[in-house]
Amino acid sequence: MELAPFGRDCKIEAVGKQRNGMPRFWCKRHQASATGKYGRRLERCEGAYLSDQDAEELDPAAYPGGIGLWGAVKPVYDTSAVPVEEGVHVHARREVDGKKEIDGTFRAVALRVTRNLLEAPKAYISMETAVASYISRFLKLPMMSLFCTYCGEPHLDSEWFAVKLHKRHLCHACGKIFPVNEKCISNPLAALRHMVGDREEGRTIETSNKVLEIRQADFPAGMQIWASNPALLWTAPKPEEAGIHVHVYSGEGDKRLFDDTYAEVVIDGIKLNDTHLRYYMAQQALRYLDGKVVSLKCGCGESYFDEGEDAFRPHSTHRCKRCGTALKAAGRLKKVVSNPFVETVAELAARAPKLH
């Protein structure tokens, strides 16, 4: 289960093409992407600067109050000057209802997984592994922990392959394609969760009952908004909380006036649609969808919303669900995904205080 250690020189090779036909490069040493914009080969992969010391070491046994890990993605809406944290977000408590001993985001986490008294291996969880798991679980796709049948390395399906069930898997370590019997998504975290006793059937998720209604003009230091998503690893003996997570800042560095999860959020009279927001956050996390998520609106006034796999597969055919009119994207792009939250973000931005 232990992935390749970080901090050594890259070993970058071409591993086929992206869905858009551009080349895809992968570092076999760090098990990380080395693909830049427009399919350009990066000199160093995304995990090259990491070392064992850079990974936050975490021992679940040291936190009986529970740990929670999430793939940290950028906010769906952000008017603050606070740097966006991307990577693996960690909560850890020594007591169930005690304070968070750890509440931070790290580029990688080294999770100690004790099988017996003589063995205490570490499983390295990278940002890409965490985000891929978040996307696959968002779509409720079956995940397995596959190992290449040629070289034995753990296999990660990311980007498009994290949303598309498939039988043929391209190993990032040896570059060979290995088949499996059933269509699935592979992510090393599927096995890791079972190793630490985190079972999906044992999870309880409670929706927040709190409501937030604010005006942006009252908080010129800005805000950040995310959709809550199930933890990729959860060992706390209490329910997770679901809803819309909001940070509102005071203007004193990164000090927060609000940091909570709400069932309903209304900003400047605009009620946020929780479903649209959750899809939009997942769509933002996928590089192949950059510039391809738009808001299509029919002449009858109906906004079009792609759901399920269609929300992650750019396509040219969209028909209004009210009147049946064929909808087309403006500009040169033919294949797009439609989400009305794009329009919501634009409306919120138009009402945001202008910072000088």
Foldseek 3Di string as FASTA:
>chain_A
DAAAFEADAWDKDWQAADPVRATWIATLRQRATQADPRRDGHNGGPRHHDGPVQAAEDEQVQFLLKKFKAQAFFFPAWDAPADGAGKIFMFGHNRVPDHTPGTGHGQKHFYWQDPDPVDTHTHIDGSQLRLLLQLLVVLPFAEDFDADPPPRHTDAQGFPLSQDFDFWGQRNNPSDIDGDDGTGGYGNLVVVQVSVPNDPVPADEAEAAAEEEEEQVVQQNIKGKAFDTHTSHMDRPDHHYGAIFMFGDRNPHRHTPDTDGHNWYHYPNRTDDNVLRHLSRSLSVHPVQVPQEEWWADPVGDIDADDRSLQSWFDQFDAGPPPGHTTADPDDDRTHGYGCVVVVNVVSVVRHDDDD
